[in-house]
Amino acid sequence: DDLSEPEFPLPDGVSKEILTEAGTSQWLKPKVGDEVTIHYVAKHSVSTPPEFREFYSSRSGEPFCFTLGKGQVAKGLELGIPTMRRGELAQFTMRGDFGAMAP
């Protein structure tokens, strides 16, 4: 069983690149209803080819805590975070419609 692979595929428009693997003892993944705490850096691009510019980062302050599945973060993160394990560092790239808040 390859723990680095998501249990379900991400939709077209959301991709994930693992930058740092989680430790082998960290096998649990969050699910809807779990409270999760993350640091994130948000970037956007309005050019072709994409030139990404940072517009928000939690790295300079407190991490962001939210309940998965409550629509408190971008739709792409609602779909992507359940593919992660504690300690994993990942980069998600998503189309604009996945960058909006989840309904």
N, C-alpha and C. Protein backbone atom coordinates (compact mmCIF):
# COMPACT_ATOMS: atom_id res chain seq x y z
N ASP A 1 0.84 -1.19 0.00
CA ASP A 1 0.00 0.00 0.00
C ASP A 1 0.88 1.24 0.00
N ASP A 2 0.75 2.07 -1.02
CA ASP A 2 1.54 3.29 -1.14
C ASP A 2 0.82 4.42 -0.42
N LEU A 3 1.33 4.82 0.74
CA LEU A 3 0.67 5.84 1.54
C LEU A 3 0.77 7.23 0.95
N SER A 4 1.62 7.42 -0.07
CA SER A 4 1.75 8.75 -0.65
C SER A 4 0.65 9.03 -1.67
N GLU A 5 -0.10 8.02 -2.09
CA GLU A 5 -1.16 8.20 -3.07
C GLU A 5 -2.46 8.55 -2.37
N PRO A 6 -3.25 9.48 -2.92
CA PRO A 6 -4.55 9.76 -2.32
C PRO A 6 -5.46 8.55 -2.42
N GLU A 7 -6.38 8.42 -1.45
CA GLU A 7 -7.32 7.30 -1.46
C GLU A 7 -8.36 7.48 -2.55
N PHE A 8 -8.56 8.70 -3.00
CA PHE A 8 -9.48 8.97 -4.09
C PHE A 8 -8.80 10.01 -4.97
N PRO A 9 -9.08 9.98 -6.27
CA PRO A 9 -8.40 10.94 -7.14
C PRO A 9 -8.95 12.36 -6.94
N LEU A 10 -8.09 13.32 -7.08
CA LEU A 10 -8.53 14.71 -7.05
C LEU A 10 -9.15 15.02 -8.41
N PRO A 11 -10.13 15.90 -8.46
CA PRO A 11 -10.79 16.22 -9.73
C PRO A 11 -9.87 17.01 -10.66
N ASP A 12 -10.22 16.99 -11.94
CA ASP A 12 -9.52 17.87 -12.88
C ASP A 12 -9.65 19.29 -12.36
N GLY A 13 -8.56 20.01 -12.35
CA GLY A 13 -8.58 21.37 -11.83
C GLY A 13 -7.92 21.49 -10.47
N VAL A 14 -7.58 20.35 -9.85
CA VAL A 14 -6.86 20.36 -8.57
C VAL A 14 -5.73 19.35 -8.68
N SER A 15 -4.50 19.80 -8.45
CA SER A 15 -3.37 18.87 -8.45
C SER A 15 -2.59 19.05 -7.16
N LYS A 16 -1.89 18.00 -6.78
CA LYS A 16 -1.14 17.99 -5.53
C LYS A 16 0.29 17.54 -5.81
N GLU A 17 1.23 18.28 -5.24
CA GLU A 17 2.64 17.88 -5.29
C GLU A 17 3.11 17.78 -3.84
N ILE A 18 3.59 16.60 -3.44
CA ILE A 18 4.11 16.43 -2.09
C ILE A 18 5.53 16.98 -2.05
N LEU A 19 5.76 17.96 -1.19
CA LEU A 19 7.07 18.58 -1.04
C LEU A 19 7.89 17.89 0.04
N THR A 20 7.22 17.46 1.11
CA THR A 20 7.84 16.73 2.21
C THR A 20 6.90 15.62 2.64
N GLU A 21 7.37 14.39 2.57
CA GLU A 21 6.56 13.24 3.00
C GLU A 21 6.37 13.27 4.51
N ALA A 22 5.25 12.77 4.97
CA ALA A 22 5.00 12.60 6.41
C ALA A 22 5.79 11.38 6.89
N GLY A 23 6.08 11.33 8.16
CA GLY A 23 6.76 10.17 8.74
C GLY A 23 5.92 8.92 8.57
N THR A 24 6.55 7.78 8.51
CA THR A 24 5.82 6.52 8.30
C THR A 24 4.86 6.20 9.42
N SER A 25 5.08 6.75 10.61
CA SER A 25 4.16 6.49 11.72
C SER A 25 2.89 7.35 11.62
N GLN A 26 2.92 8.33 10.73
CA GLN A 26 1.76 9.23 10.55
C GLN A 26 0.91 8.75 9.39
N TRP A 27 0.05 7.80 9.63
CA TRP A 27 -0.74 7.21 8.55
C TRP A 27 -2.17 7.70 8.49
N LEU A 28 -2.67 8.32 9.57
CA LEU A 28 -4.05 8.81 9.57
C LEU A 28 -4.20 10.04 8.67
N LYS A 29 -5.32 10.10 7.98
CA LYS A 29 -5.65 11.25 7.15
C LYS A 29 -6.93 11.88 7.70
N PRO A 30 -7.06 13.21 7.62
CA PRO A 30 -8.27 13.85 8.15
C PRO A 30 -9.49 13.51 7.30
N LYS A 31 -10.65 13.57 7.93
CA LYS A 31 -11.91 13.32 7.24
C LYS A 31 -12.89 14.42 7.58
N VAL A 32 -13.98 14.48 6.84
CA VAL A 32 -15.02 15.49 7.08
C VAL A 32 -15.44 15.46 8.54
N GLY A 33 -15.48 16.64 9.14
CA GLY A 33 -15.86 16.78 10.55
C GLY A 33 -14.66 16.92 11.46
N ASP A 34 -13.46 16.57 10.99
CA ASP A 34 -12.25 16.71 11.80
C ASP A 34 -11.81 18.17 11.83
N GLU A 35 -11.30 18.60 12.97
CA GLU A 35 -10.69 19.91 13.07
C GLU A 35 -9.24 19.77 12.65
N VAL A 36 -8.82 20.58 11.70
CA VAL A 36 -7.44 20.52 11.22
C VAL A 36 -6.78 21.88 11.40
N THR A 37 -5.48 21.87 11.55
CA THR A 37 -4.70 23.08 11.70
C THR A 37 -3.62 23.07 10.64
N ILE A 38 -3.57 24.13 9.85
CA ILE A 38 -2.61 24.20 8.75
C ILE A 38 -1.93 25.56 8.70
N HIS A 39 -0.78 25.59 8.09
CA HIS A 39 -0.18 26.83 7.61
C HIS A 39 -0.38 26.80 6.11
N TYR A 40 -0.60 27.94 5.51
CA TYR A 40 -0.74 27.97 4.07
C TYR A 40 -0.23 29.27 3.49
N VAL A 41 0.12 29.20 2.23
CA VAL A 41 0.52 30.36 1.45
C VAL A 41 -0.40 30.37 0.24
N ALA A 42 -1.12 31.44 0.04
CA ALA A 42 -2.05 31.56 -1.09
C ALA A 42 -1.43 32.45 -2.16
N LYS A 43 -1.45 31.95 -3.38
CA LYS A 43 -0.91 32.69 -4.52
C LYS A 43 -1.94 32.65 -5.64
N HIS A 44 -1.87 33.64 -6.51
CA HIS A 44 -2.77 33.64 -7.67
C HIS A 44 -2.01 34.11 -8.89
N SER A 45 -2.56 33.81 -10.05
CA SER A 45 -1.99 34.26 -11.30
C SER A 45 -3.10 34.69 -12.23
N VAL A 46 -2.87 35.78 -12.91
CA VAL A 46 -3.82 36.24 -13.91
C VAL A 46 -3.15 36.33 -15.28
N SER A 47 -1.97 35.73 -15.40
CA SER A 47 -1.23 35.81 -16.65
C SER A 47 -1.05 34.44 -17.27
N THR A 48 -0.72 34.44 -18.57
CA THR A 48 -0.40 33.21 -19.28
C THR A 48 0.93 33.45 -19.96
N PRO A 49 1.96 32.66 -19.70
CA PRO A 49 1.98 31.55 -18.74
C PRO A 49 1.85 32.08 -17.31
N PRO A 50 1.46 31.20 -16.39
CA PRO A 50 1.20 31.66 -15.02
C PRO A 50 2.43 32.25 -14.34
N GLU A 51 2.24 33.37 -13.72
CA GLU A 51 3.25 33.99 -12.88
C GLU A 51 2.56 34.21 -11.53
N PHE A 52 2.90 33.37 -10.56
CA PHE A 52 2.17 33.36 -9.29
C PHE A 52 2.69 34.44 -8.35
N ARG A 53 1.74 35.11 -7.70
CA ARG A 53 2.07 36.14 -6.72
C ARG A 53 1.35 35.84 -5.42
N GLU A 54 2.10 35.91 -4.34
CA GLU A 54 1.54 35.63 -3.02
C GLU A 54 0.61 36.76 -2.61
N PHE A 55 -0.59 36.39 -2.11
CA PHE A 55 -1.50 37.41 -1.59
C PHE A 55 -1.85 37.18 -0.13
N TYR A 56 -1.52 36.01 0.41
CA TYR A 56 -1.73 35.77 1.84
C TYR A 56 -0.86 34.61 2.30
N SER A 57 -0.36 34.73 3.53
CA SER A 57 0.40 33.64 4.13
C SER A 57 0.15 33.61 5.62
N SER A 58 -0.08 32.42 6.14
CA SER A 58 -0.22 32.27 7.59
C SER A 58 1.14 32.03 8.23
N ARG A 59 2.18 31.88 7.43
CA ARG A 59 3.52 31.55 7.94
C ARG A 59 4.08 32.62 8.87
N SER A 60 3.63 33.85 8.73
CA SER A 60 4.17 34.91 9.59
C SER A 60 3.38 35.06 10.89
N GLY A 61 2.35 34.24 11.06
CA GLY A 61 1.53 34.33 12.27
C GLY A 61 1.08 32.97 12.73
N GLU A 62 -0.12 32.94 13.26
CA GLU A 62 -0.69 31.70 13.79
C GLU A 62 -1.18 30.81 12.66
N PRO A 63 -1.12 29.49 12.84
CA PRO A 63 -1.71 28.60 11.84
C PRO A 63 -3.23 28.77 11.82
N PHE A 64 -3.83 28.30 10.75
CA PHE A 64 -5.27 28.41 10.55
C PHE A 64 -5.94 27.11 10.97
N CYS A 65 -6.95 27.20 11.82
CA CYS A 65 -7.66 26.03 12.33
C CYS A 65 -9.10 26.08 11.81
N PHE A 66 -9.59 24.96 11.29
CA PHE A 66 -10.94 24.91 10.76
C PHE A 66 -11.47 23.48 10.81
N THR A 67 -12.77 23.34 10.60
CA THR A 67 -13.40 22.03 10.55
C THR A 67 -13.59 21.62 9.10
N LEU A 68 -13.03 20.50 8.72
CA LEU A 68 -13.10 20.02 7.35
C LEU A 68 -14.55 19.71 6.97
N GLY A 69 -14.96 20.20 5.81
CA GLY A 69 -16.31 19.94 5.32
C GLY A 69 -17.33 21.01 5.65
N LYS A 70 -16.93 22.06 6.33
CA LYS A 70 -17.86 23.12 6.72
C LYS A 70 -17.83 24.32 5.77
N GLY A 71 -17.04 24.23 4.69
CA GLY A 71 -16.96 25.33 3.73
C GLY A 71 -16.18 26.52 4.23
N GLN A 72 -15.26 26.30 5.15
CA GLN A 72 -14.49 27.40 5.74
C GLN A 72 -13.21 27.71 4.97
N VAL A 73 -12.88 26.87 3.97
CA VAL A 73 -11.69 27.07 3.15
C VAL A 73 -12.06 26.86 1.68
N ALA A 74 -11.14 27.16 0.79
CA ALA A 74 -11.36 26.98 -0.64
C ALA A 74 -11.75 25.53 -0.95
N LYS A 75 -12.60 25.37 -1.94
CA LYS A 75 -13.09 24.04 -2.34
C LYS A 75 -11.92 23.09 -2.64
N GLY A 76 -10.87 23.59 -3.29
CA GLY A 76 -9.72 22.74 -3.60
C GLY A 76 -9.02 22.22 -2.36
N LEU A 77 -9.00 23.02 -1.30
CA LEU A 77 -8.40 22.55 -0.04
C LEU A 77 -9.32 21.55 0.66
N GLU A 78 -10.63 21.77 0.58
CA GLU A 78 -11.58 20.80 1.16
C GLU A 78 -11.37 19.42 0.53
N LEU A 79 -11.04 19.39 -0.76
CA LEU A 79 -10.81 18.13 -1.46
C LEU A 79 -9.40 17.60 -1.27
N GLY A 80 -8.43 18.49 -1.17
CA GLY A 80 -7.03 18.08 -1.11
C GLY A 80 -6.52 17.70 0.27
N ILE A 81 -6.96 18.39 1.29
CA ILE A 81 -6.45 18.13 2.64
C ILE A 81 -6.73 16.70 3.11
N PRO A 82 -7.88 16.10 2.77
CA PRO A 82 -8.08 14.70 3.18
C PRO A 82 -7.10 13.71 2.55
N THR A 83 -6.32 14.14 1.57
CA THR A 83 -5.31 13.26 0.97
C THR A 83 -3.98 13.35 1.71
N MET A 84 -3.90 14.25 2.70
CA MET A 84 -2.65 14.50 3.41
C MET A 84 -2.58 13.73 4.72
N ARG A 85 -1.33 13.59 5.21
CA ARG A 85 -1.09 13.02 6.53
C ARG A 85 -0.36 14.05 7.38
N ARG A 86 -0.48 13.93 8.70
CA ARG A 86 0.16 14.88 9.62
C ARG A 86 1.65 14.97 9.32
N GLY A 87 2.13 16.20 9.20
CA GLY A 87 3.54 16.43 8.94
C GLY A 87 3.89 16.54 7.47
N GLU A 88 2.96 16.22 6.59
CA GLU A 88 3.21 16.30 5.16
C GLU A 88 3.15 17.76 4.72
N LEU A 89 4.03 18.13 3.81
CA LEU A 89 4.02 19.46 3.22
C LEU A 89 3.68 19.26 1.75
N ALA A 90 2.61 19.89 1.30
CA ALA A 90 2.17 19.71 -0.08
C ALA A 90 1.83 21.05 -0.70
N GLN A 91 1.92 21.07 -2.02
CA GLN A 91 1.50 22.24 -2.79
C GLN A 91 0.33 21.84 -3.66
N PHE A 92 -0.77 22.56 -3.52
CA PHE A 92 -1.94 22.33 -4.36
C PHE A 92 -2.02 23.44 -5.39
N THR A 93 -2.25 23.07 -6.61
CA THR A 93 -2.49 24.02 -7.68
C THR A 93 -3.92 23.78 -8.15
N MET A 94 -4.70 24.86 -8.22
CA MET A 94 -6.11 24.68 -8.56
C MET A 94 -6.62 25.78 -9.46
N ARG A 95 -7.57 25.41 -10.30
CA ARG A 95 -8.28 26.38 -11.13
C ARG A 95 -9.04 27.34 -10.23
N GLY A 96 -9.38 28.47 -10.77
CA GLY A 96 -10.09 29.50 -9.99
C GLY A 96 -11.36 29.03 -9.33
N ASP A 97 -12.13 28.15 -10.01
CA ASP A 97 -13.38 27.71 -9.42
C ASP A 97 -13.15 26.82 -8.19
N PHE A 98 -11.97 26.25 -8.07
CA PHE A 98 -11.63 25.46 -6.86
C PHE A 98 -10.96 26.34 -5.81
N GLY A 99 -10.59 27.55 -6.18
CA GLY A 99 -9.97 28.47 -5.23
C GLY A 99 -11.00 29.25 -4.43
N ALA A 100 -12.27 29.15 -4.84
CA ALA A 100 -13.35 29.84 -4.13
C ALA A 100 -13.76 29.03 -2.91
N MET A 101 -14.44 29.68 -2.00
CA MET A 101 -14.92 28.99 -0.80
C MET A 101 -15.89 27.89 -1.17
N ALA A 102 -15.80 26.79 -0.45
CA ALA A 102 -16.68 25.65 -0.70
C ALA A 102 -18.11 26.03 -0.27
N PRO A 103 -19.13 25.51 -1.01
CA PRO A 103 -20.52 25.83 -0.63
C PRO A 103 -20.94 25.12 0.64
